Amino acid sequence: MELFRLTVAQARAGLLARRFSCEEYAAALLARARAFPEVNAWAAQDPERLLAQARAVDASGRVADGGQRLAGVPLAIKDNIDVAGLPCAAGTGALGRRRPAGNAGVVRDLLDAGALVAGKTGMHELAMGITSNNAVTGAVRNPYDLTRIPGGSSGGSAAAVAAGFAPAALGTDTGGSVRLPAALCGLAGLRPSIGRYAADGLVPLSRTRDAVGPMARTVADTALLDAILSGDETLSQVELSGLRLGVPRASMLSDLEAGTAQVMESVLRTLASQGVVLVEADVPRYRELDESIGFPLVLYELEQDLPAFLAAEGQPLSLADVHAGIGSPDVAAIVAAQLGDRAVGGEAYRQARRQRSHMQAICADYFRSHRLDGMIFPTTPLPASRIGEDATTELNGKQVPLFPTFVRNTDPGSVAGLPGISLPAGLSRGLPVGVEIDGPPHSDRWLLSVAMAIEALLPAMPEPEFRGREAVAAGAMQ
């Protein structure tokens, strides 16, 4: 198998067995990225530094002694997570010269486990969208079809892993920004419970909603990164027979793209054949509450926290200063609203916090009253849309608003603080379809155990074909 196709576990095994060196592995990943520059997954990369660090690992013997679980494995890091010596601009113009002196806590944890940084990945500007069509850094493209979005906001992280530029990556998830690109790029992606990982060194969007999350080709790799980042090693042997999963059909399985619906129903039939108890039940007022809570939390916290974060490191920029450097029209409009007469104020924010507590109580009762181990639903109602469809996209013959359509299933769980993992479940029109499992708060390792058992029943995801290269090369796409 080519080195760029290896999972984290396979790469680690190959390094331990000395089938290849760290330098050879890093060089193979760099060569793969050079072969497909159209993906535009990287926001910043230092190939010579990566190769030098790989040579140092080879010379140190750290791989052979087995003491570091990620020794010699390069990982991709989203451009809103600090890495010392590399830019960290959150994909926006005003922060373009920002070069942090230290590493974010999650990066320190990975480096302590022996990992290398493959590079910083492109993202939707300021993490405020789901296309990763960034007017400042250029559109990130889906490796399955280069004319399609990879999802967002962690689109570069997902595209880098799917394309074979790195075996795993970190993104951040506020309303679906790990799970959604994982689904659209055929990966596993975890949004952990809030507070599970170190939170320093992250360019903030919403402090009560932001969560760093790992994504990889397998649940096992995702679980390994979670264990390193959380210190929690627990995994359970899950017996699928008797497992109880809620199926929120009315709110989260309705109005799906035909291929997505077929994949979802196939997954449910497979689970039922294994004895999983599928409980048809929706969370009361789930989407209604999400729509009234989500944006007030994000906008108010952004206005308070982003300037404070920048000031603390000696870069005193107001939200208006940041707005002046925004290139993407959709992001500029959102930030402008918070700077104008429609700004979310303190009372609206406090009301949203109270409503969220009510939503969390409803979710707790949902899991308790139905005796559920989790709930299952399609991560997105449709596969990847075309790059450039920034306002609307087509779903079942109608033009629908793009952002709320794509996040309608992922956002409620993030507002309620539920951990969730998206798994690759099949294809629709040659594009990946994801299925998500959410669990009660702080059930992360149990959720990963369940996901691992379900993953074993799902079809293997084919390698991306990089369709649309000719159109991109001809300049037919943005």
Protein backbone atom coordinates (compact mmCIF):
# COMPACT_ATOMS: atom_id res chain seq x y z
CA MET A 1 0.00 0.00 0.00
CA GLU A 2 1.22 3.50 -0.83
CA LEU A 3 2.35 5.33 2.29
CA PHE A 4 -0.11 8.19 1.82
CA ARG A 5 -3.04 5.76 2.14
CA LEU A 6 -2.04 4.54 5.61
CA THR A 7 -4.19 5.10 8.67
CA VAL A 8 -2.51 6.35 11.84
CA ALA A 9 -2.44 2.80 13.20
CA GLN A 10 -0.93 1.44 9.98
CA ALA A 11 1.67 4.21 9.82
CA ARG A 12 2.66 3.59 13.42
CA ALA A 13 2.94 -0.16 12.81
CA GLY A 14 5.07 0.41 9.71
CA LEU A 15 7.39 2.79 11.53
CA LEU A 16 7.78 0.40 14.46
CA ALA A 17 8.56 -2.48 12.10
CA ARG A 18 11.07 -0.28 10.24
CA ARG A 19 9.34 -0.91 6.90
CA PHE A 20 9.94 2.78 6.20
CA SER A 21 11.49 5.70 8.04
CA CYS A 22 9.77 8.80 9.39
CA GLU A 23 11.50 10.84 6.72
CA GLU A 24 10.27 8.53 3.97
CA TYR A 25 6.74 8.72 5.32
CA ALA A 26 6.76 12.52 5.56
CA ALA A 27 8.24 12.77 2.07
CA ALA A 28 5.47 10.56 0.67
CA LEU A 29 2.78 12.77 2.20
CA LEU A 30 4.44 15.91 0.84
CA ALA A 31 4.71 14.34 -2.63
CA ARG A 32 1.03 13.42 -2.53
CA ALA A 33 0.08 17.02 -1.73
CA ARG A 34 2.28 18.31 -4.55
CA ALA A 35 0.49 15.96 -6.95
CA PHE A 36 -2.93 17.47 -6.16
CA PRO A 37 -2.45 21.20 -5.49
CA GLU A 38 -6.01 21.90 -6.68
CA VAL A 39 -7.37 20.64 -3.36
CA ASN A 40 -5.93 23.77 -1.71
CA ALA A 41 -6.03 22.07 1.69
CA TRP A 42 -3.05 23.89 3.18
CA ALA A 43 -3.14 27.41 4.57
CA ALA A 44 0.52 27.19 5.63
CA GLN A 45 3.18 24.51 5.40
CA ASP A 46 6.95 24.27 5.95
CA PRO A 47 8.09 21.12 4.10
CA GLU A 48 11.77 21.51 5.00
CA ARG A 49 10.96 21.87 8.68
CA LEU A 50 8.74 18.78 8.55
CA LEU A 51 11.45 16.71 6.86
CA ALA A 52 14.07 17.94 9.33
CA GLN A 53 11.83 16.98 12.25
CA ALA A 54 11.21 13.56 10.69
CA ARG A 55 14.96 12.99 10.32
CA ALA A 56 15.41 13.97 13.96
CA VAL A 57 12.83 11.37 15.01
CA ASP A 58 14.64 8.72 12.96
CA ALA A 59 17.94 9.62 14.58
CA SER A 60 16.51 9.69 18.11
CA GLY A 61 15.19 6.14 18.22
CA ARG A 62 11.90 7.40 19.67
CA VAL A 63 9.87 5.25 17.28
CA ALA A 64 11.63 2.03 18.18
CA ASP A 65 11.27 2.43 21.94
CA GLY A 66 7.48 2.64 21.61
CA GLY A 67 7.17 5.21 24.35
CA GLN A 68 5.37 7.80 22.23
CA ARG A 69 2.14 6.68 20.61
CA LEU A 70 2.36 9.07 17.65
CA ALA A 71 6.14 9.17 17.17
CA GLY A 72 6.91 10.24 13.61
CA VAL A 73 3.26 10.64 12.50
CA PRO A 74 2.52 14.01 10.80
CA LEU A 75 -0.92 15.46 11.57
CA ALA A 76 -2.79 18.37 9.97
CA ILE A 77 -3.91 21.27 12.19
CA LYS A 78 -6.67 23.78 11.39
CA ASP A 79 -5.65 27.39 10.87
CA ASN A 80 -7.41 28.63 14.02
CA ILE A 81 -5.30 26.40 16.33
CA ASP A 82 -1.91 27.83 17.34
CA VAL A 83 1.26 26.07 16.22
CA ALA A 84 4.52 27.75 17.17
CA GLY A 85 6.43 29.03 14.14
CA LEU A 86 3.54 28.73 11.68
CA PRO A 87 0.91 31.35 10.81
CA CYS A 88 -2.47 31.14 12.53
CA ALA A 89 -4.87 33.53 10.82
CA ALA A 90 -8.24 31.75 11.18
CA GLY A 91 -8.46 32.22 7.42
CA THR A 92 -9.02 35.98 7.60
CA GLY A 93 -7.13 39.03 6.37
CA ALA A 94 -6.71 41.03 9.58
CA LEU A 95 -4.87 38.13 11.23
CA GLY A 96 -2.76 37.28 8.20
CA ARG A 97 0.53 38.22 9.89
CA ARG A 98 -0.27 36.47 13.16
CA ARG A 99 2.47 33.97 14.01
CA PRO A 100 2.06 32.60 17.56
CA ALA A 101 5.11 31.96 19.70
CA GLY A 102 3.59 28.95 21.47
CA ASN A 103 1.45 25.92 20.78
CA ALA A 104 -2.19 25.46 21.66
CA GLY A 105 -2.77 22.97 24.47
CA VAL A 106 -4.11 20.33 22.08
CA VAL A 107 -1.03 20.69 19.88
CA ARG A 108 1.26 20.33 22.92
CA ASP A 109 -0.53 17.11 23.81
CA LEU A 110 -0.03 15.69 20.32
CA LEU A 111 3.62 16.76 20.18
CA ASP A 112 4.20 15.19 23.61
CA ALA A 113 2.89 11.96 22.09
CA GLY A 114 5.51 12.26 19.33
CA ALA A 115 3.38 13.69 16.50
CA LEU A 116 4.73 16.08 13.88
CA VAL A 117 2.79 18.96 12.33
CA ALA A 118 2.20 18.35 8.64
CA GLY A 119 0.86 21.88 8.17
CA LYS A 120 -1.97 24.30 8.89
CA THR A 121 -5.19 23.67 6.99
CA GLY A 122 -7.54 26.03 5.19
CA MET A 123 -10.95 26.81 6.61
CA HIS A 124 -14.07 28.86 6.20
CA GLU A 125 -13.12 32.40 7.16
CA LEU A 126 -13.25 32.92 10.96
CA ALA A 127 -14.90 29.46 11.20
CA MET A 128 -18.23 31.09 10.29
CA GLY A 129 -19.53 28.86 7.52
CA ILE A 130 -19.72 25.40 6.03
CA THR A 131 -18.32 25.67 2.49
CA SER A 132 -14.64 26.57 3.09
CA ASN A 133 -14.99 28.77 0.00
CA ASN A 134 -12.68 31.38 1.47
CA ALA A 135 -12.23 34.60 -0.50
CA VAL A 136 -8.96 35.37 1.33
CA THR A 137 -7.15 32.04 0.92
CA GLY A 138 -9.13 30.45 -1.91
CA ALA A 139 -11.66 27.65 -1.98
CA VAL A 140 -10.74 24.32 -0.41
CA ARG A 141 -11.96 21.52 -2.69
CA ASN A 142 -13.45 18.11 -2.01
CA PRO A 143 -11.07 15.31 -3.12
CA TYR A 144 -14.00 13.21 -4.33
CA ASP A 145 -15.04 15.96 -6.74
CA LEU A 146 -12.94 19.11 -7.00
CA THR A 147 -15.95 21.15 -8.12
CA ARG A 148 -17.62 20.44 -4.75
CA ILE A 149 -17.19 21.83 -1.26
CA PRO A 150 -15.37 19.78 1.39
CA GLY A 151 -17.67 21.17 4.09
CA GLY A 152 -16.62 23.54 6.81
CA SER A 153 -15.49 25.26 8.63
CA SER A 154 -12.72 22.61 9.03
CA GLY A 155 -12.76 21.90 5.30
CA GLY A 156 -8.99 21.90 4.83
CA SER A 157 -8.47 19.38 7.63
CA ALA A 158 -11.01 16.98 6.12
CA ALA A 159 -9.73 17.47 2.57
CA ALA A 160 -6.10 16.89 3.65
CA VAL A 161 -6.94 13.56 5.28
CA ALA A 162 -9.27 12.36 2.52
CA ALA A 163 -6.70 13.29 -0.16
CA GLY A 164 -3.84 11.49 1.61
CA PHE A 165 -1.84 14.54 2.67
CA ALA A 166 -2.00 13.48 6.36
CA PRO A 167 -3.45 10.43 8.13
CA ALA A 168 -5.49 12.47 10.62
CA ALA A 169 -6.22 16.08 11.56
CA LEU A 170 -7.61 18.44 14.13
CA GLY A 171 -10.49 20.77 13.37
CA THR A 172 -12.84 22.80 15.50
CA ASP A 173 -16.58 22.33 15.78
CA THR A 174 -19.01 25.04 16.86
CA GLY A 175 -22.13 23.94 14.99
CA GLY A 176 -20.91 21.01 12.92
CA SER A 177 -17.51 22.14 11.67
CA VAL A 178 -15.77 18.79 12.30
CA ARG A 179 -18.67 16.41 11.70
CA LEU A 180 -19.94 18.10 8.56
CA PRO A 181 -16.66 18.09 6.58
CA ALA A 182 -15.91 14.59 7.85
CA ALA A 183 -19.25 13.47 6.41
CA LEU A 184 -18.75 15.20 3.05
CA CYS A 185 -15.17 13.87 2.69
CA GLY A 186 -15.79 10.26 3.80
CA LEU A 187 -14.11 10.38 7.24
CA ALA A 188 -14.85 9.80 10.90
CA GLY A 189 -15.05 13.04 12.86
CA LEU A 190 -15.71 13.59 16.57
CA ARG A 191 -17.14 16.61 18.34
CA PRO A 192 -16.24 15.94 21.98
CA SER A 193 -18.02 17.22 25.06
CA ILE A 194 -17.16 20.85 25.88
CA GLY A 195 -14.17 21.06 28.22
CA ARG A 196 -12.82 17.63 27.34
CA TYR A 197 -9.61 18.96 25.73
CA ALA A 198 -7.29 21.86 26.51
CA ALA A 199 -8.83 25.08 25.21
CA ASP A 200 -5.90 27.53 25.18
CA GLY A 201 -4.38 28.76 21.93
CA LEU A 202 -7.59 28.68 19.89
CA VAL A 203 -8.80 31.71 17.94
CA PRO A 204 -12.28 31.97 19.49
CA LEU A 205 -15.65 31.99 17.80
CA SER A 206 -17.93 30.97 20.68
CA ARG A 207 -16.32 29.99 23.97
CA THR A 208 -19.31 28.00 25.21
CA ARG A 209 -19.73 26.14 21.91
CA ASP A 210 -16.23 25.79 20.36
CA ALA A 211 -14.71 22.31 20.60
CA VAL A 212 -11.53 20.97 19.02
CA GLY A 213 -12.26 17.65 17.35
CA PRO A 214 -10.19 14.93 15.65
CA MET A 215 -10.95 13.44 12.25
CA ALA A 216 -9.39 10.41 10.60
CA ARG A 217 -10.15 7.56 8.22
CA THR A 218 -11.19 5.21 11.03
CA VAL A 219 -12.95 5.44 14.36
CA ALA A 220 -9.97 3.69 15.98
CA ASP A 221 -7.64 6.50 14.88
CA THR A 222 -10.16 9.09 16.07
CA ALA A 223 -10.40 7.32 19.42
CA LEU A 224 -6.58 7.26 19.71
CA LEU A 225 -6.39 11.03 19.24
CA ASP A 226 -9.24 11.51 21.72
CA ALA A 227 -7.40 9.39 24.30
CA ILE A 228 -4.22 11.45 23.89
CA LEU A 229 -6.09 14.76 24.07
CA SER A 230 -8.35 13.79 26.98
CA GLY A 231 -6.26 11.30 28.98
CA ASP A 232 -9.26 8.94 28.88
CA GLU A 233 -8.34 5.49 27.59
CA THR A 234 -11.63 3.73 28.33
CA LEU A 235 -13.22 1.69 25.55
CA SER A 236 -16.04 -0.80 25.96
CA GLN A 237 -16.90 -3.99 24.12
CA VAL A 238 -20.29 -3.06 22.70
CA GLU A 239 -22.91 -5.74 22.14
CA LEU A 240 -25.12 -4.41 19.36
CA SER A 241 -28.03 -6.68 20.21
CA GLY A 242 -30.16 -4.71 22.63
CA LEU A 243 -28.41 -1.38 22.00
CA ARG A 244 -31.07 1.34 21.96
CA LEU A 245 -30.74 4.22 19.49
CA GLY A 246 -33.23 7.02 19.02
CA VAL A 247 -34.27 7.78 15.43
CA PRO A 248 -35.53 11.40 15.24
CA ARG A 249 -37.34 10.81 11.98
CA ALA A 250 -39.64 13.83 11.86
CA SER A 251 -36.99 16.42 12.63
CA MET A 252 -33.76 14.97 11.25
CA LEU A 253 -34.61 12.28 8.68
CA SER A 254 -37.17 14.29 6.71
CA ASP A 255 -36.63 16.00 3.35
CA LEU A 256 -33.37 14.18 2.58
CA GLU A 257 -31.70 14.01 -0.82
CA ALA A 258 -32.71 10.67 -2.36
CA GLY A 259 -29.30 9.02 -2.21
CA THR A 260 -28.73 10.20 1.36
CA ALA A 261 -32.12 8.77 2.36
CA GLN A 262 -31.22 5.43 0.75
CA VAL A 263 -27.91 5.27 2.61
CA MET A 264 -29.60 6.14 5.90
CA GLU A 265 -32.33 3.53 5.53
CA SER A 266 -29.71 0.92 4.60
CA VAL A 267 -27.79 1.72 7.80
CA LEU A 268 -30.97 1.41 9.88
CA ARG A 269 -31.85 -1.96 8.28
CA THR A 270 -28.34 -3.23 8.94
CA LEU A 271 -28.49 -2.17 12.59
CA ALA A 272 -31.92 -3.72 13.07
CA SER A 273 -30.63 -6.99 11.59
CA GLN A 274 -27.98 -7.01 14.34
CA GLY A 275 -30.56 -6.60 17.09
CA VAL A 276 -30.21 -2.84 17.62
CA VAL A 277 -33.46 -1.44 19.01
CA LEU A 278 -34.41 1.59 16.92
CA VAL A 279 -36.70 3.88 18.89
CA GLU A 280 -38.59 6.28 16.64
CA ALA A 281 -38.68 9.41 18.79
CA ASP A 282 -37.79 13.06 18.26
CA VAL A 283 -36.33 15.44 20.82
CA PRO A 284 -39.17 17.87 21.64
CA ARG A 285 -38.67 21.38 20.19
CA TYR A 286 -35.11 20.45 19.21
CA ARG A 287 -34.74 22.52 16.05
CA GLU A 288 -37.02 25.28 17.33
CA LEU A 289 -34.83 25.82 20.38
CA ASP A 290 -31.64 25.56 18.32
CA GLU A 291 -32.80 28.30 15.98
CA SER A 292 -33.49 30.68 18.86
CA ILE A 293 -30.28 29.93 20.80
CA GLY A 294 -27.45 29.23 18.39
CA PHE A 295 -26.66 32.54 16.70
CA PRO A 296 -27.16 34.77 19.77
CA LEU A 297 -24.56 32.72 21.64
CA VAL A 298 -22.04 32.84 18.80
CA LEU A 299 -22.39 36.50 17.89
CA TYR A 300 -22.28 37.90 21.41
CA GLU A 301 -19.35 35.70 22.44
CA LEU A 302 -17.45 36.52 19.24
CA GLU A 303 -17.76 40.25 19.92
CA GLN A 304 -16.53 39.84 23.49
CA ASP A 305 -13.89 37.17 23.13
CA LEU A 306 -12.06 37.67 19.83
CA PRO A 307 -10.82 41.21 20.64
CA ALA A 308 -9.92 40.11 24.19
CA PHE A 309 -7.97 37.11 22.83
CA LEU A 310 -6.02 39.31 20.42
CA ALA A 311 -5.39 42.03 23.00
CA ALA A 312 -3.98 39.48 25.43
CA GLU A 313 -1.22 38.68 22.95
CA GLY A 314 -0.48 42.31 22.12
CA GLN A 315 -2.60 42.64 18.98
CA PRO A 316 -5.32 45.12 19.97
CA LEU A 317 -7.90 44.76 17.21
CA SER A 318 -11.58 45.52 17.58
CA LEU A 319 -14.26 43.43 15.89
CA ALA A 320 -14.61 46.31 13.42
CA ASP A 321 -10.88 46.01 12.63
CA VAL A 322 -11.29 42.30 12.01
CA HIS A 323 -14.36 42.97 9.86
CA ALA A 324 -12.33 45.27 7.64
CA GLY A 325 -10.07 42.36 6.69
CA ILE A 326 -12.84 39.85 5.90
CA GLY A 327 -12.95 38.81 2.26
CA SER A 328 -15.87 36.36 2.16
CA PRO A 329 -19.23 38.14 1.66
CA ASP A 330 -21.20 35.67 3.80
CA VAL A 331 -18.87 36.12 6.78
CA ALA A 332 -18.69 39.90 6.32
CA ALA A 333 -22.48 40.11 6.45
CA ILE A 334 -22.71 38.11 9.68
CA VAL A 335 -20.07 40.18 11.46
CA ALA A 336 -21.54 43.43 10.12
CA ALA A 337 -24.88 42.51 11.70
CA GLN A 338 -23.22 42.28 15.13
CA LEU A 339 -21.59 45.67 14.56
CA GLY A 340 -24.88 47.33 13.60
CA ASP A 341 -28.36 47.97 14.94
CA ARG A 342 -29.21 44.24 14.94
CA ALA A 343 -26.38 43.33 17.32
CA VAL A 344 -27.09 40.70 19.97
CA GLY A 345 -26.90 42.42 23.35
CA GLY A 346 -26.36 41.20 26.87
CA GLU A 347 -30.02 40.54 27.69
CA ALA A 348 -30.61 38.53 24.50
CA TYR A 349 -27.46 36.58 25.30
CA ARG A 350 -28.57 35.82 28.84
CA GLN A 351 -31.95 34.71 27.51
CA ALA A 352 -30.20 32.35 25.08
CA ARG A 353 -28.17 30.90 27.97
CA ARG A 354 -31.39 30.25 29.93
CA GLN A 355 -33.01 28.63 26.91
CA ARG A 356 -29.98 26.41 26.44
CA SER A 357 -30.32 25.12 30.00
CA HIS A 358 -33.92 24.25 29.18
CA MET A 359 -32.82 22.52 25.97
CA GLN A 360 -30.24 20.49 27.87
CA ALA A 361 -32.90 19.35 30.34
CA ILE A 362 -35.13 18.27 27.44
CA CYS A 363 -32.24 16.26 25.94
CA ALA A 364 -31.47 14.59 29.27
CA ASP A 365 -35.12 13.58 29.58
CA TYR A 366 -35.11 12.29 25.98
CA PHE A 367 -32.24 9.87 26.65
CA ARG A 368 -33.60 8.90 30.07
CA SER A 369 -37.28 8.41 29.25
CA HIS A 370 -36.59 6.32 26.13
CA ARG A 371 -33.68 4.48 27.79
CA LEU A 372 -31.40 5.40 24.88
CA ASP A 373 -27.71 4.74 24.42
CA GLY A 374 -27.62 7.41 21.73
CA MET A 375 -29.47 8.75 18.72
CA ILE A 376 -28.68 8.28 15.04
CA PHE A 377 -29.39 10.41 11.99
CA PRO A 378 -27.76 11.56 8.71
CA THR A 379 -25.02 14.09 9.41
CA THR A 380 -26.19 16.26 6.52
CA PRO A 381 -29.41 16.06 4.49
CA LEU A 382 -27.49 16.05 1.20
CA PRO A 383 -23.96 15.41 -0.10
CA ALA A 384 -21.49 18.13 -1.02
CA SER A 385 -22.86 21.05 -3.00
CA ARG A 386 -21.00 22.87 -5.75
CA ILE A 387 -18.36 25.46 -4.95
CA GLY A 388 -19.87 28.89 -5.46
CA GLU A 389 -23.31 27.95 -4.15
CA ASP A 390 -22.72 30.12 -1.11
CA ALA A 391 -26.28 31.31 -0.47
CA THR A 392 -28.58 28.55 -1.73
CA THR A 393 -28.35 25.02 -3.03
CA GLU A 394 -30.76 22.55 -4.60
CA LEU A 395 -32.50 19.93 -2.47
CA ASN A 396 -35.23 17.76 -3.96
CA GLY A 397 -35.88 20.15 -6.82
CA LYS A 398 -36.05 23.33 -4.71
CA GLN A 399 -33.56 26.06 -3.93
CA VAL A 400 -32.99 26.10 -0.18
CA PRO A 401 -30.76 28.29 2.04
CA LEU A 402 -27.37 26.60 2.12
CA PHE A 403 -26.07 27.20 5.65
CA PRO A 404 -29.17 26.29 7.70
CA THR A 405 -29.84 23.30 5.47
CA PHE A 406 -26.40 21.78 5.95
CA VAL A 407 -26.22 22.41 9.71
CA ARG A 408 -29.81 21.56 10.58
CA ASN A 409 -28.84 18.14 12.03
CA THR A 410 -25.45 19.00 13.54
CA ASP A 411 -26.16 22.35 15.20
CA PRO A 412 -28.74 21.30 17.81
CA GLY A 413 -26.41 18.79 19.46
CA SER A 414 -23.62 21.35 19.71
CA VAL A 415 -25.94 23.89 21.34
CA ALA A 416 -27.11 21.22 23.80
CA GLY A 417 -23.50 20.16 24.49
CA LEU A 418 -23.83 16.58 23.26
CA PRO A 419 -20.80 14.67 21.97
CA GLY A 420 -21.30 13.44 18.42
CA ILE A 421 -19.41 11.42 15.86
CA SER A 422 -19.96 11.22 12.11
CA LEU A 423 -19.13 8.00 10.26
CA PRO A 424 -18.80 7.42 6.52
CA ALA A 425 -21.82 5.32 5.55
CA GLY A 426 -21.91 5.17 1.75
CA LEU A 427 -22.12 7.22 -1.43
CA SER A 428 -24.75 9.27 -3.23
CA ARG A 429 -23.91 10.17 -6.80
CA GLY A 430 -20.30 9.26 -6.06
CA LEU A 431 -20.11 11.62 -3.07
CA PRO A 432 -19.70 10.54 0.56
CA VAL A 433 -22.67 10.39 2.93
CA GLY A 434 -22.19 10.50 6.70
CA VAL A 435 -24.28 9.11 9.53
CA GLU A 436 -24.00 10.69 12.98
CA ILE A 437 -24.44 9.22 16.43
CA ASP A 438 -24.91 11.60 19.37
CA GLY A 439 -24.80 10.59 23.03
CA PRO A 440 -25.50 12.13 26.42
CA PRO A 441 -22.98 14.71 27.70
CA HIS A 442 -19.60 13.24 28.70
CA SER A 443 -20.35 9.84 27.15
CA ASP A 444 -17.50 10.34 24.66
CA ARG A 445 -15.65 7.03 25.10
CA TRP A 446 -18.88 5.05 25.16
CA LEU A 447 -19.93 6.87 21.99
CA LEU A 448 -16.62 5.99 20.34
CA SER A 449 -17.09 2.35 21.39
CA VAL A 450 -20.57 2.29 19.82
CA ALA A 451 -19.25 3.98 16.67
CA MET A 452 -16.48 1.40 16.36
CA ALA A 453 -19.00 -1.43 16.52
CA ILE A 454 -21.24 0.21 13.92
CA GLU A 455 -18.32 1.11 11.65
CA ALA A 456 -17.55 -2.61 11.29
CA LEU A 457 -20.96 -3.08 9.61
CA LEU A 458 -20.68 -0.23 7.13
CA PRO A 459 -19.20 -0.42 3.62
CA ALA A 460 -15.60 0.64 3.14
CA MET A 461 -15.24 4.12 1.70
CA PRO A 462 -13.63 4.11 -1.77
CA GLU A 463 -10.60 6.27 -2.43
CA PRO A 464 -11.31 9.77 -3.79
CA GLU A 465 -11.07 10.15 -7.55
CA PHE A 466 -10.36 13.91 -7.75
CA ARG A 467 -13.06 14.32 -10.38
CA GLY A 468 -13.30 17.74 -11.99
CA ARG A 469 -9.55 18.38 -12.36
CA GLU A 470 -10.03 19.46 -15.96
CA ALA A 471 -12.70 21.99 -15.01
CA VAL A 472 -10.53 23.43 -12.24
CA ALA A 473 -7.48 23.57 -14.49
CA ALA A 474 -9.49 25.39 -17.16
CA GLY A 475 -10.59 27.98 -14.63
CA ALA A 476 -14.23 26.99 -14.93
CA MET A 477 -14.61 26.88 -11.15
CA GLN A 478 -13.87 29.48 -8.52
